[in-house]
Protein backbone atom coordinates (compact mmCIF):
# COMPACT_ATOMS: atom_id res chain seq x y z
CA MET A 1 130.62 98.12 80.51
CA PRO A 2 131.31 94.35 79.63
CA THR A 3 130.64 93.69 76.08
CA ARG A 4 129.75 90.20 77.00
CA ARG A 5 126.32 91.24 78.52
CA SER A 6 123.32 89.48 76.64
CA VAL A 7 120.82 92.33 76.20
CA VAL A 8 117.17 91.45 74.91
CA ILE A 9 114.71 94.02 73.73
CA GLY A 10 110.93 93.84 74.87
CA VAL A 11 108.55 95.66 72.83
CA ASP A 12 105.25 96.78 74.13
CA SER A 13 103.31 98.01 70.96
CA SER A 14 100.04 99.46 72.78
CA THR A 15 96.88 101.37 71.55
CA GLN A 16 98.68 104.90 72.49
CA SER A 17 102.26 104.09 71.96
CA THR A 18 105.30 102.05 71.72
CA LYS A 19 107.81 101.27 74.70
CA ALA A 20 110.92 99.16 74.15
CA ALA A 21 112.91 97.71 77.00
CA ALA A 22 116.39 96.82 76.74
CA VAL A 23 116.97 94.14 79.72
CA ASP A 24 119.75 92.12 80.85
CA ALA A 25 119.15 88.63 79.74
CA ASP A 26 120.77 86.98 82.88
CA THR A 27 119.57 88.99 85.68
CA GLY A 28 116.40 90.71 84.20
CA GLU A 29 117.77 94.36 85.23
CA LEU A 30 115.78 97.03 83.05
CA LEU A 31 118.59 99.10 81.48
CA ALA A 32 116.54 101.52 79.56
CA VAL A 33 113.02 102.27 77.93
CA GLY A 34 112.77 103.75 74.65
CA ARG A 35 109.19 105.49 73.73
CA ALA A 36 107.25 106.48 70.62
CA PRO A 37 103.82 107.61 70.22
CA HIS A 38 100.86 106.56 67.98
CA THR A 39 97.90 108.18 66.51
CA VAL A 40 94.33 106.81 66.94
CA THR A 41 91.52 108.53 64.81
CA GLY A 42 88.05 107.82 64.61
CA SER A 43 84.61 108.70 66.34
CA ALA A 44 81.32 107.19 66.69
CA GLY A 45 82.63 103.82 67.37
CA ALA A 46 85.50 103.99 65.06
CA ARG A 47 89.30 103.42 66.33
CA GLU A 48 91.76 103.09 63.69
CA SER A 49 95.59 103.51 63.49
CA ASP A 50 98.07 103.29 60.65
CA PRO A 51 100.45 100.03 61.09
CA GLU A 52 103.01 101.61 59.48
CA GLU A 53 103.30 104.30 62.35
CA TRP A 54 103.56 101.16 64.67
CA TRP A 55 106.79 100.25 62.71
CA THR A 56 107.94 103.66 62.84
CA ALA A 57 107.49 103.94 66.51
CA LEU A 58 109.19 100.31 67.15
CA VAL A 59 112.11 101.33 65.37
CA THR A 60 112.47 104.92 67.07
CA ALA A 61 111.74 103.33 70.68
CA VAL A 62 114.19 100.14 69.88
CA ARG A 63 116.84 102.67 68.83
CA ALA A 64 116.20 104.89 72.00
CA ALA A 65 116.42 101.89 74.37
CA VAL A 66 119.54 100.66 73.14
CA ARG A 67 121.40 104.17 73.12
CA ASP A 68 120.16 105.01 76.54
CA ALA A 69 121.27 101.58 77.61
CA GLY A 70 124.81 102.14 76.85
CA VAL A 71 125.27 99.04 75.11
CA PRO A 72 127.05 98.01 71.88
CA ALA A 73 124.54 96.98 69.36
CA ALA A 74 126.52 93.71 69.20
CA ALA A 75 125.33 92.87 72.80
CA VAL A 76 121.75 92.81 71.82
CA THR A 77 120.86 88.85 71.08
CA GLY A 78 117.11 88.86 70.80
CA ILE A 79 113.77 90.74 70.38
CA ALA A 80 109.91 89.97 71.01
CA VAL A 81 106.97 91.96 70.22
CA ALA A 82 103.89 92.14 72.66
CA GLY A 83 101.05 93.57 70.88
CA GLN A 84 97.46 95.49 71.56
CA GLN A 85 95.02 92.36 71.08
CA HIS A 86 92.37 91.42 68.50
CA GLY A 87 93.08 94.46 66.04
CA LEU A 88 92.64 93.66 62.40
CA VAL A 89 95.55 94.44 60.23
CA THR A 90 94.61 93.72 56.25
CA LEU A 91 97.82 93.08 53.95
CA GLY A 92 98.13 93.79 50.26
CA ALA A 93 100.21 91.62 48.00
CA ASP A 94 103.27 93.89 48.65
CA GLY A 95 102.96 92.90 52.19
CA ARG A 96 101.97 96.50 53.53
CA PRO A 97 98.58 97.47 55.21
CA LEU A 98 95.90 98.21 52.80
CA ARG A 99 93.87 100.25 54.98
CA PRO A 100 94.21 101.50 58.68
CA ALA A 101 94.06 98.79 61.31
CA LEU A 102 90.76 98.28 63.03
CA LEU A 103 91.43 98.52 66.75
CA TRP A 104 90.06 96.58 69.65
CA ASN A 105 88.18 99.00 70.93
CA ASP A 106 86.44 99.80 67.39
CA THR A 107 82.85 99.09 68.39
CA ARG A 108 81.24 99.37 64.96
CA SER A 109 81.50 95.50 64.33
CA ALA A 110 78.90 94.93 67.05
CA PRO A 111 75.83 94.16 64.95
CA GLN A 112 78.60 91.70 63.12
CA ALA A 113 79.18 90.32 66.57
CA ALA A 114 75.65 89.66 67.38
CA ALA A 115 74.81 87.76 64.33
CA LEU A 116 77.92 85.66 64.67
CA ALA A 117 77.26 84.85 68.52
CA ALA A 118 73.87 83.35 67.30
CA ARG A 119 75.40 81.03 65.04
CA LEU A 120 77.31 77.43 65.47
CA GLY A 121 74.83 76.63 68.42
CA GLY A 122 74.75 80.31 69.87
CA PRO A 123 77.17 81.25 72.92
CA ALA A 124 77.45 77.42 74.19
CA GLY A 125 78.82 76.56 70.73
CA TRP A 126 81.29 79.30 70.36
CA LEU A 127 82.53 78.67 74.12
CA ALA A 128 83.30 74.94 73.43
CA ARG A 129 85.05 75.80 70.29
CA THR A 130 87.22 79.04 71.47
CA GLY A 131 86.71 79.77 74.72
CA SER A 132 84.83 83.30 73.86
CA VAL A 133 81.56 84.40 72.48
CA PRO A 134 82.10 87.08 69.72
CA VAL A 135 81.54 90.45 70.80
CA ALA A 136 82.74 93.80 68.81
CA SER A 137 86.36 93.58 70.11
CA MET A 138 87.00 90.21 68.50
CA THR A 139 89.12 89.74 65.32
CA ALA A 140 86.32 87.63 63.54
CA ALA A 141 83.58 90.26 63.88
CA LYS A 142 85.70 93.10 62.41
CA TRP A 143 86.66 90.94 59.81
CA GLN A 144 82.81 90.56 58.82
CA TRP A 145 82.30 94.06 59.29
CA LEU A 146 84.92 94.92 56.62
CA ARG A 147 83.55 92.16 54.23
CA GLU A 148 80.08 93.72 54.67
CA HIS A 149 81.15 97.53 54.47
CA GLU A 150 84.36 97.53 52.38
CA PRO A 151 84.16 94.60 50.12
CA ARG A 152 86.60 95.87 47.62
CA HIS A 153 89.21 95.90 50.34
CA ALA A 154 88.51 92.52 51.78
CA GLU A 155 88.66 90.86 48.15
CA ALA A 156 92.09 92.38 47.80
CA VAL A 157 93.30 91.24 51.06
CA ALA A 158 96.56 88.81 50.84
CA GLY A 159 96.99 88.59 54.48
CA VAL A 160 95.26 88.96 57.52
CA ARG A 161 97.17 89.64 60.74
CA LEU A 162 96.93 90.88 64.26
CA PRO A 163 99.15 93.88 65.45
CA HIS A 164 102.14 91.94 67.00
CA ASP A 165 102.03 89.35 64.17
CA HIS A 166 102.57 92.18 61.53
CA LEU A 167 105.45 93.63 63.63
CA THR A 168 107.14 90.36 63.98
CA GLU A 169 106.58 89.92 60.29
CA ARG A 170 108.22 92.85 59.37
CA LEU A 171 111.28 91.95 61.60
CA THR A 172 111.75 88.55 60.31
CA GLY A 173 109.75 88.24 56.91
CA ILE A 174 108.06 85.18 58.27
CA ALA A 175 104.24 85.31 59.04
CA VAL A 176 103.77 83.78 62.45
CA THR A 177 101.60 84.38 65.41
CA ASP A 178 101.07 82.50 69.05
CA PRO A 179 98.59 80.66 70.56
CA GLY A 180 97.83 83.51 72.94
CA ASP A 181 97.16 86.48 70.76
CA ALA A 182 95.56 83.99 68.04
CA SER A 183 92.98 82.90 70.77
CA GLY A 184 91.54 86.54 70.63
CA THR A 185 90.58 86.08 67.44
CA CYS A 186 87.52 83.84 67.64
CA TRP A 187 88.62 81.81 64.51
CA TYR A 188 91.34 80.31 66.61
CA GLY A 189 89.85 76.81 68.16
CA ARG A 190 90.61 74.68 70.87
CA GLY A 191 88.09 71.77 70.33
CA ALA A 192 88.02 68.20 68.61
CA ARG A 193 86.54 70.19 65.68
CA ALA A 194 89.81 72.37 65.28
CA GLN A 195 92.12 70.91 62.72
CA ASP A 196 95.76 71.70 62.50
CA GLY A 197 96.75 73.36 58.91
CA GLY A 198 100.56 72.59 58.77
CA GLY A 199 103.19 74.89 58.45
CA VAL A 200 103.82 75.28 62.23
CA THR A 201 106.79 73.14 62.83
CA GLY A 202 109.00 75.07 60.38
CA VAL A 203 108.60 77.94 62.71
CA ALA A 204 110.87 76.80 65.54
CA ASP A 205 113.18 75.82 62.69
CA GLU A 206 114.43 78.89 60.72
CA ALA A 207 116.75 76.91 58.79
CA ALA A 208 113.90 74.59 57.46
CA GLY A 209 112.24 77.79 56.20
CA ALA A 210 110.07 78.67 59.08
CA GLY A 211 106.44 79.94 59.01
CA GLY A 212 104.97 80.92 55.65
CA SER A 213 101.24 81.86 55.13
CA GLY A 214 99.99 78.48 55.58
CA ALA A 215 97.22 78.20 58.10
CA GLY A 216 96.78 76.80 61.43
CA GLY A 217 98.89 74.33 63.48
CA SER A 218 99.00 72.89 67.20
CA GLY A 219 99.44 75.62 69.88
CA THR A 220 99.27 75.57 73.85
CA GLY A 221 96.31 76.28 75.80
CA GLY A 222 94.43 73.22 74.73
CA SER A 223 96.36 72.44 71.83
CA GLY A 224 94.08 74.68 69.59
CA ALA A 225 94.38 75.58 65.78
CA TYR A 226 92.33 77.41 63.36
CA ASP A 227 88.81 76.36 63.33
CA PRO A 228 88.06 75.62 59.57
CA GLU A 229 84.21 75.71 60.00
CA ILE A 230 84.37 79.16 61.60
CA LEU A 231 86.94 80.53 58.85
CA ASP A 232 84.22 79.24 56.26
CA LEU A 233 81.42 80.87 58.22
CA ILE A 234 83.28 84.42 57.85
CA GLY A 235 84.73 83.62 54.54
CA LEU A 236 88.30 83.78 55.54
CA ASP A 237 90.69 81.67 53.58
CA PRO A 238 93.12 80.07 56.04
CA ALA A 239 95.88 80.89 53.41
CA LEU A 240 95.70 84.40 54.43
CA LEU A 241 96.58 83.58 58.22
CA PRO A 242 100.05 83.27 59.99
CA ALA A 243 101.40 79.96 61.14
CA VAL A 244 100.84 79.69 64.86
CA ALA A 245 104.01 78.87 66.67
CA PRO A 246 103.95 76.32 69.71
CA GLY A 247 104.41 79.40 72.04
CA GLY A 248 105.35 83.06 72.11
CA ALA A 249 109.13 82.17 72.95
CA THR A 250 109.56 80.19 69.71
CA ARG A 251 112.41 81.14 68.08
CA ALA A 252 110.66 82.78 64.72
CA GLY A 253 113.71 83.57 62.71
CA THR A 254 116.41 86.50 62.95
CA LEU A 255 116.29 90.14 61.70
CA THR A 256 115.90 90.50 57.87
CA ALA A 257 118.72 92.83 56.39
CA ALA A 258 115.99 95.74 55.86
CA ALA A 259 114.80 95.54 59.78
CA ALA A 260 118.64 95.34 61.10
CA GLU A 261 119.67 98.16 59.14
CA ALA A 262 116.55 100.27 60.37
CA LEU A 263 117.31 99.13 64.20
CA GLY A 264 120.79 99.52 63.81
CA LEU A 265 120.99 96.02 65.05
CA PRO A 266 123.05 92.74 63.82
CA ARG A 267 120.93 90.48 61.46
CA THR A 268 121.97 87.53 64.11
CA VAL A 269 119.21 88.91 66.69
CA VAL A 270 116.90 86.20 67.20
CA VAL A 271 113.12 87.08 66.94
CA ALA A 272 110.79 85.38 69.01
CA ALA A 273 107.30 84.53 67.90
CA GLY A 274 105.81 87.26 70.46
CA THR A 275 102.24 87.51 71.92
CA GLY A 276 99.46 89.83 72.84
CA ASP A 277 99.91 92.44 75.61
CA ASN A 278 97.88 90.64 78.29
CA MET A 279 99.71 87.60 77.72
CA ALA A 280 103.20 89.14 77.77
CA ALA A 281 102.04 91.10 81.38
CA ALA A 282 101.17 87.46 82.87
CA VAL A 283 104.76 86.15 81.82
CA GLY A 284 106.23 89.56 83.35
CA LEU A 285 104.55 88.97 86.62
CA GLY A 286 105.68 85.33 86.53
CA LEU A 287 102.34 83.93 86.07
CA GLY A 288 101.88 80.74 84.27
CA GLY A 289 102.78 76.86 84.54
CA ALA A 290 106.35 77.44 85.74
CA GLY A 291 105.41 80.17 88.25
CA LEU A 292 102.00 81.49 89.67
CA LEU A 293 98.79 80.01 89.00
CA ASP A 294 95.40 81.04 90.09
CA HIS A 295 96.54 84.41 91.12
CA PRO A 296 94.25 87.37 89.98
CA VAL A 297 95.57 90.52 88.27
CA VAL A 298 93.92 93.72 87.69
CA SER A 299 95.25 96.02 84.98
CA LEU A 300 94.41 99.57 84.78
CA GLY A 301 95.18 100.83 81.48
CA THR A 302 93.50 102.22 78.28
CA SER A 303 91.27 99.33 79.16
CA GLY A 304 90.61 97.59 82.47
CA THR A 305 91.18 94.10 82.44
CA VAL A 306 91.25 91.03 85.38
CA PHE A 307 92.93 87.81 84.36
CA ALA A 308 94.75 84.72 85.85
CA ALA A 309 96.96 81.90 84.66
CA THR A 310 95.22 78.78 85.05
CA ARG A 311 95.31 75.00 84.12
CA ALA A 312 91.60 75.10 83.97
CA ARG A 313 89.69 75.41 80.69
CA PRO A 314 87.42 78.45 81.02
CA ALA A 315 83.92 78.60 79.67
CA ASP A 316 82.20 81.38 81.03
CA PRO A 317 80.37 83.90 78.59
CA GLY A 318 81.36 86.96 80.50
CA LEU A 319 85.02 86.42 80.10
CA ALA A 320 87.35 85.90 77.07
CA GLY A 321 88.69 82.25 77.44
CA PHE A 322 92.19 83.07 75.97
CA ALA A 323 95.29 80.81 75.84
CA ALA A 324 98.37 81.83 77.48
CA THR A 325 101.39 81.75 75.80
CA ASP A 326 103.34 78.98 77.83
CA GLY A 327 100.60 76.12 77.38
CA THR A 328 98.31 77.37 80.32
CA TYR A 329 94.65 79.34 79.84
CA LEU A 330 94.31 82.97 80.39
CA PRO A 331 90.64 83.67 81.38
CA LEU A 332 90.07 87.47 81.15
CA GLY A 333 87.55 90.16 81.63
CA CYS A 334 88.35 93.34 79.83
CA THR A 335 86.37 96.52 80.06
CA LEU A 336 86.93 99.58 77.39
CA ASN A 337 86.88 102.57 79.68
CA CYS A 338 89.28 102.77 82.25
CA THR A 339 92.13 105.46 82.80
CA LEU A 340 91.27 107.41 79.53
CA ALA A 341 87.70 107.47 80.50
CA VAL A 342 88.32 109.00 83.99
CA ASP A 343 91.03 111.64 82.99
CA ARG A 344 88.18 112.57 80.44
CA PHE A 345 85.75 113.25 83.39
CA ALA A 346 88.69 115.06 85.03
CA THR A 347 89.34 117.47 82.19
CA LEU A 348 85.28 117.92 82.19
CA LEU A 349 85.49 118.93 85.57
CA GLY A 350 88.58 120.80 85.39
CA LEU A 351 90.40 118.64 88.00
CA ASP A 352 93.59 117.14 88.32
CA ARG A 353 92.86 113.38 88.06
CA GLU A 354 93.96 112.99 91.65
CA ASP A 355 91.74 115.71 93.01
CA VAL A 356 88.78 113.50 94.43
CA SER A 357 86.51 113.77 97.28
CA PRO A 358 88.14 112.03 100.61
CA GLY A 359 87.28 108.16 100.09
CA GLY A 360 85.74 108.56 96.82
CA SER A 361 81.81 109.17 96.33
CA GLY A 362 81.34 106.40 99.01
CA GLY A 363 83.29 108.55 101.72
CA GLY A 364 80.86 111.62 101.19
CA GLY A 365 80.10 112.15 97.71
CA GLY A 366 76.17 112.34 98.41
CA GLY A 367 75.53 109.18 96.19
CA VAL A 368 76.63 110.07 93.13
CA VAL A 369 77.04 107.35 90.33
CA VAL A 370 78.87 107.37 87.28
CA LEU A 371 79.34 104.55 84.68
CA PRO A 372 81.80 106.13 82.43
CA TYR A 373 80.98 104.17 79.09
CA LEU A 374 82.22 106.43 76.95
CA ASP A 375 83.29 104.24 74.13
CA GLY A 376 80.51 101.70 74.68
CA GLU A 377 81.55 99.08 76.80
CA ARG A 378 82.63 95.16 76.55
CA THR A 379 82.24 93.91 79.62
CA PRO A 380 79.56 94.24 80.28
CA ASP A 381 78.71 93.89 76.57
CA LEU A 382 77.04 96.95 75.82
CA PRO A 383 78.64 98.37 72.49
CA HIS A 384 76.00 101.13 72.14
CA ALA A 385 76.38 102.52 75.52
CA ALA A 386 77.13 105.92 76.49
CA GLY A 387 78.31 107.54 79.71
CA LEU A 388 75.84 107.87 82.86
CA VAL A 389 75.89 110.14 85.43
CA THR A 390 73.08 110.10 88.07
CA GLY A 391 72.54 111.24 91.91
CA LEU A 392 73.49 114.81 91.36
CA ARG A 393 72.31 117.77 93.84
CA HIS A 394 72.87 121.50 93.96
CA GLY A 395 75.61 120.89 96.75
CA THR A 396 77.46 117.85 94.75
CA ASP A 397 81.26 118.72 94.81
CA PRO A 398 82.92 118.02 91.58
CA ARG A 399 85.43 116.03 93.19
CA ALA A 400 82.82 113.70 94.57
CA ILE A 401 81.92 113.29 90.57
CA LEU A 402 85.56 112.45 89.77
CA GLY A 403 85.51 110.03 92.47
CA ALA A 404 82.49 108.20 91.33
CA ALA A 405 83.99 108.20 87.95
CA TYR A 406 86.67 106.18 89.44
CA GLU A 407 84.43 104.08 91.60
CA GLY A 408 82.34 103.09 88.14
CA ALA A 409 85.29 102.15 86.39
CA ALA A 410 86.96 99.85 89.14
CA PHE A 411 83.46 98.31 89.79
CA THR A 412 83.08 97.45 86.03
CA VAL A 413 86.74 95.59 86.14
CA LEU A 414 86.10 93.91 89.57
CA ARG A 415 82.78 92.80 88.87
CA ALA A 416 84.09 90.18 86.39
CA LEU A 417 86.50 88.85 89.27
CA ASP A 418 84.21 86.31 90.78
CA HIS A 419 83.61 84.95 87.10
CA LEU A 420 87.33 84.96 86.77
CA LEU A 421 87.70 82.78 90.05
CA ALA A 422 85.08 80.35 89.17
CA ALA A 423 86.74 79.90 85.67
CA CYS A 424 90.09 78.99 87.66
CA GLY A 425 88.10 76.51 89.16
CA LEU A 426 87.72 78.12 92.78
CA ASP A 427 85.09 79.12 95.08
CA PRO A 428 85.11 82.86 95.05
CA ALA A 429 83.47 82.61 98.74
CA ALA A 430 85.80 80.44 100.23
CA PRO A 431 87.93 82.38 102.79
CA ASP A 432 91.55 81.51 101.28
CA VAL A 433 90.05 82.56 97.84
CA ARG A 434 88.24 85.58 99.15
CA ASP A 435 91.86 86.81 100.77
CA ARG A 436 93.79 86.16 97.89
CA PRO A 437 95.70 89.21 96.76
CA LEU A 438 94.96 91.17 93.64
CA ARG A 439 98.19 92.05 91.86
CA LEU A 440 97.57 95.60 90.61
CA ILE A 441 99.21 96.86 87.35
CA GLY A 442 99.13 99.22 84.54
CA GLY A 443 99.47 103.20 84.68
CA GLY A 444 96.45 103.14 87.11
CA ALA A 445 98.30 101.40 89.43
CA ARG A 446 100.81 104.45 90.23
CA GLY A 447 97.96 106.45 90.97
CA ARG A 448 96.97 107.03 94.70
CA ALA A 449 92.87 107.28 93.59
CA TRP A 450 92.96 104.22 91.58
CA THR A 451 94.96 102.06 94.04
CA GLU A 452 92.46 103.35 97.12
CA THR A 453 89.49 102.66 94.77
CA VAL A 454 90.26 99.30 94.13
CA ARG A 455 91.38 98.65 97.42
CA ARG A 456 87.90 99.91 98.92
CA LEU A 457 85.57 98.24 96.42
CA SER A 458 87.55 94.64 96.53
CA GLY A 459 88.13 94.41 100.18
CA ARG A 460 91.35 92.64 99.26
CA PRO A 461 95.19 92.84 99.88
CA LEU A 462 96.84 94.45 96.84
CA VAL A 463 100.50 93.67 95.49
CA VAL A 464 101.67 96.45 93.64
CA PRO A 465 104.85 95.20 91.74
CA ALA A 466 107.74 97.69 91.83
CA ALA A 467 108.23 96.83 87.93
CA GLU A 468 106.41 99.55 85.57
CA GLU A 469 106.64 97.93 82.22
CA LEU A 470 105.29 94.55 82.85
CA VAL A 471 104.02 94.17 79.49
CA ALA A 472 107.84 94.99 77.78
CA LEU A 473 109.37 92.97 80.37
CA GLY A 474 107.27 89.71 79.90
CA ALA A 475 108.19 90.28 76.07
CA ALA A 476 111.66 90.49 76.98
CA ALA A 477 111.47 87.10 78.69
CA LEU A 478 109.89 85.69 75.63
CA ALA A 479 112.97 87.12 73.58
CA ALA A 480 115.20 85.43 76.33
CA GLY A 481 113.66 82.21 76.05
CA ALA A 482 113.92 82.29 72.15
CA VAL A 483 117.73 82.74 73.00
CA THR A 484 118.35 80.34 75.35
CA GLY A 485 115.47 77.81 75.40
CA ALA A 486 114.59 78.70 79.02
CA ASP A 487 111.06 78.83 80.03
CA PRO A 488 110.21 82.68 80.10
CA VAL A 489 107.81 82.43 83.10
CA ALA A 490 110.80 80.83 85.04
CA LEU A 491 112.89 83.44 83.81
CA THR A 492 110.67 86.38 85.39
CA THR A 493 109.94 84.44 88.53
CA ALA A 494 113.83 84.28 88.59
CA TRP A 495 114.17 88.27 87.97
CA GLY A 496 111.52 89.02 90.54
CA THR A 497 109.60 91.30 88.14
CA GLY A 498 106.29 90.38 89.66
CA SER A 499 107.36 91.44 93.34
CA GLY A 500 106.62 94.66 95.04
CA GLU A 501 104.65 96.65 97.64
CA VAL A 502 101.85 94.74 99.49
CA LEU A 503 98.85 96.71 100.75
CA PRO A 504 96.62 95.17 103.57
CA PRO A 505 92.91 94.94 103.07
CA VAL A 506 90.32 97.69 104.23
CA ARG A 507 86.83 96.87 105.00
CA ARG A 508 84.64 96.60 101.43
CA ASP A 509 82.56 99.55 100.47
CA GLU A 510 79.34 97.37 100.48
CA GLU A 511 77.25 100.42 100.10
CA THR A 512 78.99 102.12 97.20
CA TRP A 513 78.96 98.52 95.34
CA GLU A 514 75.30 98.11 95.54
CA ARG A 515 74.31 101.34 94.66
CA ILE A 516 76.67 101.26 91.30
CA ALA A 517 74.75 97.85 90.64
CA ALA A 518 71.56 99.00 91.03
CA VAL A 519 72.16 101.84 88.65
CA LEU A 520 73.83 99.53 85.92
CA SER A 521 70.83 97.14 86.08
CA ALA A 522 68.14 99.75 86.15
CA ALA A 523 69.87 101.48 83.22
CA THR A 524 70.86 98.72 80.91
CA PRO A 525 67.33 97.77 79.41
CA THR A 526 66.98 101.62 77.83
CA LEU A 527 69.68 103.92 78.64
CA LEU A 528 72.96 101.83 78.08
CA SER A 529 71.88 99.55 75.35
CA GLY A 530 71.25 101.85 72.73
CA ALA A 531 67.30 101.17 72.91
CA VAL A 532 64.82 103.72 72.65
CA PRO A 533 62.28 103.95 75.29
CA SER A 534 58.64 103.33 74.34
C-alpha cells in the first residue's frame, strides 16, 4: 500500500460506544473502523458516564482503526471528533472531570428547564435568542441542576465542556468548540444581544496560540456567540467555556505529546475543532451549503431524530434550532426513545427484534398502541412520562405488541417532520415537498421492521445510504477539511457517502397514525405528564 496515501480519522463518540473510522482523504474509502464500548449508569431519570472512559475508548478505537486499515502511522494526517450532544462535562483545575458527565438523556433537570423557559420573555424570547426552548436535555438546564443539587461541585468547576469539546481538548490541549455543538447548550445565542468574547480567531492559527479558555466568538448558523445575559441568568462564568471556532473543520491544533503517544500517531496530526454527532451526520450525508439543502433525514439510534440543513432560520418551539457546522442551520426534532426502547419491548416479550406481525400492528395487531416513553420524552416534551400500552385483548399476539412499539417510536419521530419542513420555509402539503424522500440512517435503518414501519407511517420514498458510519465519516471529512482547507460537505458529496438504495413509497397507514395520535392526546394530561388524576 502506498505510504503517500493520506488517511484521516473520524471519531464518533456516542452514548453507548466510540467508533473511529480510518478514511482515505482523497477518495473517501472507508479503510477500517475501530470500536470500544462506554458505560452508562443511573436510574430514575439519571444518565451519567465517566468522560475518562470516553478517552480510553477513543484511544482503543483509533489504534484499532489504524491497525486494521494496514496503514503506517505516518499516513495519518488529521483527526476530528463528533460527540453526543448536550452532555455536561465539568473540569477541575487539573483539567480532569470533577464528576461523571450528565448525558443528553438525563431528565433530572426537567424542573430547571421549565423554570428557565419561563424567563427571558418565555419560549418566544428563547427562540429569538438561541433558536431553542430549554428542555431537560439542554446543557443549560443540566448546569442549573448541578448548581442547585451539587453546589460544591459547581463552585469547584474550572472548565465547562461538551463531550466532543472535552475529547478535542485531550487531543490538543486547546479548549475549543464549534457553532453546531455549541448551539445545543441554550447559552449560545444568535441574535443581536449575543456578543463576541474574543479568543476565537486564534483557534484557526495554532502558531498564534489557538483557543484558550476565553469566552465566545463569532460562529456560523447566524453568526452566533455566547449570550452574556443567559450566562448571567444561570450563573456561568464565560471564562469557563471554550472558544468557538468558525466551523467544525477549523484547524484547532495538532496532537499533544501525550495524545500522540497514547494514540501511536505523529505529533504533526492536525486536529479539527469537531462538532456534535447530528451535525457530523449531516456532513456525512452531504447536507449543507455545498451540498443538499432542505432534504429531511430520519436517524434511528439510541435517540430518534429528524433534521435537515437549511438556510432558513428556524423558530419552532417543538424543534431545536441548531446551527450546522458549515454556516447553515440544522433544525432538529429529537426523541429519547427509539431503538433501545423497542429492543427493551422485544426482550420483555421474549422476541427477536424483527419478530413482528406482518405489517406491524396496523396490519392485524388488533388496534394495540404503544407509546414507548421508557425514559421520559423530549419531543413531545414529557420528561416524566413512562411507557404506555393500550388496546390489549385476550387474543393479542405478542408480535403485535412489538410491532406497535415500532409504530409508537416511529410516529414520535415522524410527527416532527411537518414542523421541520415548515422550519425550512417549505409547505409540507405541497406535492413536491410531500413526495421528497426521507434519508433513513442510524442502526435502525439496517432493520427490516424499522424500515418498513417508517415507510408505512410516512408514505414517502426512502433513501437508505450504503455507508453505515455516517457520523464518523462526517467527522473524517471535517478532519480532511482541517488538513486541506476544503469544504467538508463538498468532500462528502464527492466521496458519495450519502448515496444508497431508493425504496419507493407505499400507501400511508392513516388509520394507525390517527389511532396513535388519539392515544397520545388523551394520555398526555395525566398518564404521560406525571400529574396525578384528581
